Structure formats: C-alpha cells, structure tokens
Amino acid sequence: ENASPRSLPTISDVARHAGVSPMTV
C-alpha cells in the first residue's frame, strides 16, 4: 500500500517508444 508509485511517463519516454523526436511528440 505504501510503495512508491512509478514515475509518470514523459514526452521523452513517448518519443523513445515511438522512435521519433520529442519535438514531433
């Protein structure tokens, strides 16, 4: 119950996942 939540994804995470630049995101 008291475990630290995982960090929220960022624009950089989305860019890496999609294989594009952060500007495109």
PDB file of all heavy atoms in Angstrom:
ATOM      1  N   GLU A   1       0.822  -1.201   0.000  1.00  0.00           N
ATOM      2  CA  GLU A   1       0.000   0.000   0.000  1.00  0.00           C
ATOM      3  C   GLU A   1       0.861   1.257   0.000  1.00  0.00           C
ATOM      4  O   GLU A   1       0.530   2.260  -0.622  1.00  0.00           O
ATOM      5  CB  GLU A   1      -0.902  -0.015   1.246  1.00  0.00           C
ATOM      6  CG  GLU A   1      -2.174   0.777   1.095  1.00  0.00           C
ATOM      7  CD  GLU A   1      -3.080   0.530   2.263  1.00  0.00           C
ATOM      8  OE1 GLU A   1      -2.960   1.240   3.262  1.00  0.00           O
ATOM      9  OE2 GLU A   1      -3.895  -0.398   2.188  1.00  0.00           O
ATOM     10  N   ASN A   2       1.997   1.221   0.700  1.00  0.00           N
ATOM     11  CA  ASN A   2       2.835   2.408   0.828  1.00  0.00           C
ATOM     12  C   ASN A   2       3.999   2.430  -0.155  1.00  0.00           C
ATOM     13  O   ASN A   2       4.921   3.216  -0.014  1.00  0.00           O
ATOM     14  CB  ASN A   2       3.384   2.510   2.256  1.00  0.00           C
ATOM     15  CG  ASN A   2       2.269   2.700   3.260  1.00  0.00           C
ATOM     16  OD1 ASN A   2       1.320   3.410   2.987  1.00  0.00           O
ATOM     17  ND2 ASN A   2       2.371   2.038   4.406  1.00  0.00           N
ATOM     18  N   ALA A   3       3.971   1.526  -1.134  1.00  0.00           N
ATOM     19  CA  ALA A   3       5.066   1.506  -2.102  1.00  0.00           C
ATOM     20  C   ALA A   3       5.056   2.786  -2.925  1.00  0.00           C
ATOM     21  O   ALA A   3       4.016   3.367  -3.187  1.00  0.00           O
ATOM     22  CB  ALA A   3       4.914   0.302  -3.036  1.00  0.00           C
ATOM     23  N   SER A   4       6.232   3.227  -3.312  1.00  0.00           N
ATOM     24  CA  SER A   4       6.335   4.454  -4.100  1.00  0.00           C
ATOM     25  C   SER A   4       5.745   4.215  -5.485  1.00  0.00           C
ATOM     26  O   SER A   4       6.035   3.203  -6.122  1.00  0.00           O
ATOM     27  CB  SER A   4       7.799   4.869  -4.238  1.00  0.00           C
ATOM     28  OG  SER A   4       8.342   5.129  -2.977  1.00  0.00           O
ATOM     29  N   PRO A   5       4.909   5.140  -5.972  1.00  0.00           N
ATOM     30  CA  PRO A   5       4.345   4.960  -7.310  1.00  0.00           C
ATOM     31  C   PRO A   5       5.429   5.125  -8.352  1.00  0.00           C
ATOM     32  O   PRO A   5       6.383   5.875  -8.166  1.00  0.00           O
ATOM     33  CB  PRO A   5       3.320   6.101  -7.409  1.00  0.00           C
ATOM     34  CG  PRO A   5       3.828   7.148  -6.471  1.00  0.00           C
ATOM     35  CD  PRO A   5       4.488   6.396  -5.351  1.00  0.00           C
ATOM     36  N   ARG A   6       5.259   4.432  -9.490  1.00  0.00           N
ATOM     37  CA  ARG A   6       6.255   4.570 -10.532  1.00  0.00           C
ATOM     38  C   ARG A   6       6.113   5.961 -11.148  1.00  0.00           C
ATOM     39  O   ARG A   6       5.042   6.545 -11.174  1.00  0.00           O
ATOM     40  CB  ARG A   6       6.076   3.485 -11.587  1.00  0.00           C
ATOM     41  CG  ARG A   6       4.797   3.553 -12.388  1.00  0.00           C
ATOM     42  CD  ARG A   6       4.680   2.341 -13.293  1.00  0.00           C
ATOM     43  NE  ARG A   6       3.478   2.381 -14.091  1.00  0.00           N
ATOM     44  CZ  ARG A   6       3.387   2.958 -15.281  1.00  0.00           C
ATOM     45  NH1 ARG A   6       4.434   3.578 -15.782  1.00  0.00           N
ATOM     46  NH2 ARG A   6       2.253   2.925 -15.952  1.00  0.00           N
ATOM     47  N   SER A   7       7.203   6.486 -11.631  1.00  0.00           N
ATOM     48  CA  SER A   7       7.185   7.834 -12.185  1.00  0.00           C
ATOM     49  C   SER A   7       6.326   7.875 -13.439  1.00  0.00           C
ATOM     50  O   SER A   7       6.230   6.900 -14.187  1.00  0.00           O
ATOM     51  CB  SER A   7       8.609   8.282 -12.514  1.00  0.00           C
ATOM     52  OG  SER A   7       9.189   7.394 -13.450  1.00  0.00           O
ATOM     53  N   LEU A   8       5.680   9.018 -13.666  1.00  0.00           N
ATOM     54  CA  LEU A   8       4.821   9.164 -14.832  1.00  0.00           C
ATOM     55  C   LEU A   8       5.666   9.292 -16.090  1.00  0.00           C
ATOM     56  O   LEU A   8       6.744   9.892 -16.074  1.00  0.00           O
ATOM     57  CB  LEU A   8       3.942  10.409 -14.663  1.00  0.00           C
ATOM     58  CG  LEU A   8       2.929  10.363 -13.516  1.00  0.00           C
ATOM     59  CD1 LEU A   8       2.238  11.698 -13.377  1.00  0.00           C
ATOM     60  CD2 LEU A   8       1.914   9.249 -13.743  1.00  0.00           C
ATOM     61  N   PRO A   9       5.187   8.745 -17.212  1.00  0.00           N
ATOM     62  CA  PRO A   9       5.944   8.856 -18.464  1.00  0.00           C
ATOM     63  C   PRO A   9       6.031  10.305 -18.917  1.00  0.00           C
ATOM     64  O   PRO A   9       5.114  11.102 -18.693  1.00  0.00           O
ATOM     65  CB  PRO A   9       5.137   8.012 -19.448  1.00  0.00           C
ATOM     66  CG  PRO A   9       3.762   7.954 -18.876  1.00  0.00           C
ATOM     67  CD  PRO A   9       3.931   7.988 -17.391  1.00  0.00           C
ATOM     68  N   THR A  10       7.139  10.642 -19.560  1.00  0.00           N
ATOM     69  CA  THR A  10       7.371  11.995 -20.053  1.00  0.00           C
ATOM     70  C   THR A  10       7.297  12.015 -21.576  1.00  0.00           C
ATOM     71  O   THR A  10       7.178  10.964 -22.231  1.00  0.00           O
ATOM     72  CB  THR A  10       8.766  12.479 -19.621  1.00  0.00           C
ATOM     73  OG1 THR A  10       9.754  11.653 -20.262  1.00  0.00           O
ATOM     74  CG2 THR A  10       8.934  12.386 -18.106  1.00  0.00           C
ATOM     75  N   ILE A  11       7.381  13.225 -22.134  1.00  0.00           N
ATOM     76  CA  ILE A  11       7.409  13.352 -23.593  1.00  0.00           C
ATOM     77  C   ILE A  11       8.610  12.605 -24.167  1.00  0.00           C
ATOM     78  O   ILE A  11       8.521  11.971 -25.227  1.00  0.00           O
ATOM     79  CB  ILE A  11       7.438  14.843 -23.988  1.00  0.00           C
ATOM     80  CG1 ILE A  11       6.041  15.448 -23.853  1.00  0.00           C
ATOM     81  CG2 ILE A  11       7.946  15.028 -25.421  1.00  0.00           C
ATOM     82  CD1 ILE A  11       5.944  16.905 -24.236  1.00  0.00           C
ATOM     83  N   SER A  12       9.742  12.650 -23.456  1.00  0.00           N
ATOM     84  CA  SER A  12      10.941  11.930 -23.927  1.00  0.00           C
ATOM     85  C   SER A  12      10.696  10.436 -23.974  1.00  0.00           C
ATOM     86  O   SER A  12      11.143   9.741 -24.909  1.00  0.00           O
ATOM     87  CB  SER A  12      12.127  12.241 -23.007  1.00  0.00           C
ATOM     88  OG  SER A  12      12.465  13.606 -23.087  1.00  0.00           O
ATOM     89  N   ASP A  13       9.950   9.896 -22.969  1.00  0.00           N
ATOM     90  CA  ASP A  13       9.626   8.466 -22.964  1.00  0.00           C
ATOM     91  C   ASP A  13       8.774   8.105 -24.184  1.00  0.00           C
ATOM     92  O   ASP A  13       8.987   7.075 -24.836  1.00  0.00           O
ATOM     93  CB  ASP A  13       8.874   8.098 -21.683  1.00  0.00           C
ATOM     94  CG  ASP A  13       9.728   8.252 -20.440  1.00  0.00           C
ATOM     95  OD1 ASP A  13      10.959   8.079 -20.554  1.00  0.00           O
ATOM     96  OD2 ASP A  13       9.164   8.546 -19.373  1.00  0.00           O
ATOM     97  N   VAL A  14       7.788   8.975 -24.458  1.00  0.00           N
ATOM     98  CA  VAL A  14       6.923   8.730 -25.613  1.00  0.00           C
ATOM     99  C   VAL A  14       7.736   8.775 -26.901  1.00  0.00           C
ATOM    100  O   VAL A  14       7.566   7.935 -27.800  1.00  0.00           O
ATOM    101  CB  VAL A  14       5.775   9.774 -25.665  1.00  0.00           C
ATOM    102  CG1 VAL A  14       4.953   9.604 -26.948  1.00  0.00           C
ATOM    103  CG2 VAL A  14       4.883   9.634 -24.441  1.00  0.00           C
ATOM    104  N   ALA A  15       8.651   9.752 -26.997  1.00  0.00           N
ATOM    105  CA  ALA A  15       9.482   9.880 -28.197  1.00  0.00           C
ATOM    106  C   ALA A  15      10.331   8.638 -28.418  1.00  0.00           C
ATOM    107  O   ALA A  15      10.433   8.125 -29.550  1.00  0.00           O
ATOM    108  CB  ALA A  15      10.365  11.127 -28.078  1.00  0.00           C
ATOM    109  N   ARG A  16      10.957   8.130 -27.328  1.00  0.00           N
ATOM    110  CA  ARG A  16      11.776   6.916 -27.452  1.00  0.00           C
ATOM    111  C   ARG A  16      10.933   5.726 -27.884  1.00  0.00           C
ATOM    112  O   ARG A  16      11.326   4.928 -28.729  1.00  0.00           O
ATOM    113  CB  ARG A  16      12.480   6.626 -26.126  1.00  0.00           C
ATOM    114  CG  ARG A  16      13.736   7.469 -25.892  1.00  0.00           C
ATOM    115  CD  ARG A  16      14.552   6.921 -24.734  1.00  0.00           C
ATOM    116  NE  ARG A  16      13.837   7.035 -23.471  1.00  0.00           N
ATOM    117  CZ  ARG A  16      13.899   8.110 -22.676  1.00  0.00           C
ATOM    118  NH1 ARG A  16      14.639   9.153 -23.040  1.00  0.00           N
ATOM    119  NH2 ARG A  16      13.241   8.141 -21.547  1.00  0.00           N
ATOM    120  N   HIS A  17       9.749   5.594 -27.277  1.00  0.00           N
ATOM    121  CA  HIS A  17       8.861   4.477 -27.581  1.00  0.00           C
ATOM    122  C   HIS A  17       8.415   4.522 -29.050  1.00  0.00           C
ATOM    123  O   HIS A  17       8.323   3.488 -29.731  1.00  0.00           O
ATOM    124  CB  HIS A  17       7.646   4.510 -26.652  1.00  0.00           C
ATOM    125  CG  HIS A  17       6.778   3.291 -26.723  1.00  0.00           C
ATOM    126  ND1 HIS A  17       5.795   3.146 -27.688  1.00  0.00           N
ATOM    127  CD2 HIS A  17       6.744   2.162 -25.965  1.00  0.00           C
ATOM    128  CE1 HIS A  17       5.180   1.986 -27.503  1.00  0.00           C
ATOM    129  NE2 HIS A  17       5.750   1.356 -26.465  1.00  0.00           N
ATOM    130  N   ALA A  18       8.139   5.715 -29.553  1.00  0.00           N
ATOM    131  CA  ALA A  18       7.647   5.859 -30.926  1.00  0.00           C
ATOM    132  C   ALA A  18       8.778   5.949 -31.945  1.00  0.00           C
ATOM    133  O   ALA A  18       8.535   5.847 -33.159  1.00  0.00           O
ATOM    134  CB  ALA A  18       6.770   7.106 -31.025  1.00  0.00           C
ATOM    135  N   GLY A  19      10.005   6.166 -31.459  1.00  0.00           N
ATOM    136  CA  GLY A  19      11.129   6.295 -32.383  1.00  0.00           C
ATOM    137  C   GLY A  19      11.133   7.600 -33.135  1.00  0.00           C
ATOM    138  O   GLY A  19      11.501   7.654 -34.318  1.00  0.00           O
ATOM    139  N   VAL A  20      10.669   8.671 -32.446  1.00  0.00           N
ATOM    140  CA  VAL A  20      10.642   9.993 -33.085  1.00  0.00           C
ATOM    141  C   VAL A  20      11.290  10.994 -32.131  1.00  0.00           C
ATOM    142  O   VAL A  20      11.693  10.660 -31.013  1.00  0.00           O
ATOM    143  CB  VAL A  20       9.188  10.433 -33.389  1.00  0.00           C
ATOM    144  CG1 VAL A  20       8.527   9.451 -34.354  1.00  0.00           C
ATOM    145  CG2 VAL A  20       8.374  10.554 -32.106  1.00  0.00           C
ATOM    146  N   SER A  21      11.366  12.231 -32.549  1.00  0.00           N
ATOM    147  CA  SER A  21      11.948  13.263 -31.691  1.00  0.00           C
ATOM    148  C   SER A  21      10.905  13.811 -30.716  1.00  0.00           C
ATOM    149  O   SER A  21       9.699  13.766 -31.001  1.00  0.00           O
ATOM    150  CB  SER A  21      12.483  14.415 -32.544  1.00  0.00           C
ATOM    151  OG  SER A  21      11.408  15.143 -33.115  1.00  0.00           O
ATOM    152  N   PRO A  22      11.341  14.334 -29.557  1.00  0.00           N
ATOM    153  CA  PRO A  22      10.402  14.978 -28.625  1.00  0.00           C
ATOM    154  C   PRO A  22       9.614  16.106 -29.285  1.00  0.00           C
ATOM    155  O   PRO A  22       8.445  16.322 -28.952  1.00  0.00           O
ATOM    156  CB  PRO A  22      11.313  15.505 -27.512  1.00  0.00           C
ATOM    157  CG  PRO A  22      12.497  14.579 -27.532  1.00  0.00           C
ATOM    158  CD  PRO A  22      12.707  14.260 -28.982  1.00  0.00           C
ATOM    159  N   MET A  23      10.232  16.836 -30.237  1.00  0.00           N
ATOM    160  CA  MET A  23       9.535  17.913 -30.930  1.00  0.00           C
ATOM    161  C   MET A  23       8.346  17.377 -31.712  1.00  0.00           C
ATOM    162  O   MET A  23       7.262  17.984 -31.740  1.00  0.00           O
ATOM    163  CB  MET A  23      10.495  18.637 -31.878  1.00  0.00           C
ATOM    164  CG  MET A  23       9.844  19.789 -32.650  1.00  0.00           C
ATOM    165  SD  MET A  23       9.228  21.095 -31.560  1.00  0.00           S
ATOM    166  CE  MET A  23      10.794  21.820 -31.056  1.00  0.00           C
ATOM    167  N   THR A  24       8.519  16.218 -32.342  1.00  0.00           N
ATOM    168  CA  THR A  24       7.413  15.611 -33.088  1.00  0.00           C
ATOM    169  C   THR A  24       6.273  15.243 -32.151  1.00  0.00           C
ATOM    170  O   THR A  24       5.090  15.452 -32.461  1.00  0.00           O
ATOM    171  CB  THR A  24       7.900  14.365 -33.846  1.00  0.00           C
ATOM    172  OG1 THR A  24       8.909  14.750 -34.770  1.00  0.00           O
ATOM    173  CG2 THR A  24       6.760  13.690 -34.583  1.00  0.00           C
ATOM    174  N   VAL A  25       6.606  14.704 -30.975  1.00  0.00           N
ATOM    175  CA  VAL A  25       5.571  14.365 -29.984  1.00  0.00           C
ATOM    176  C   VAL A  25       4.813  15.621 -29.576  1.00  0.00           C
ATOM    177  O   VAL A  25       3.577  15.634 -29.507  1.00  0.00           O
ATOM    178  CB  VAL A  25       6.203  13.685 -28.751  1.00  0.00           C
ATOM    179  CG1 VAL A  25       5.133  13.449 -27.688  1.00  0.00           C
ATOM    180  CG2 VAL A  25       6.861  12.370 -29.139  1.00  0.00           C
TER     181      VAL A  25
END
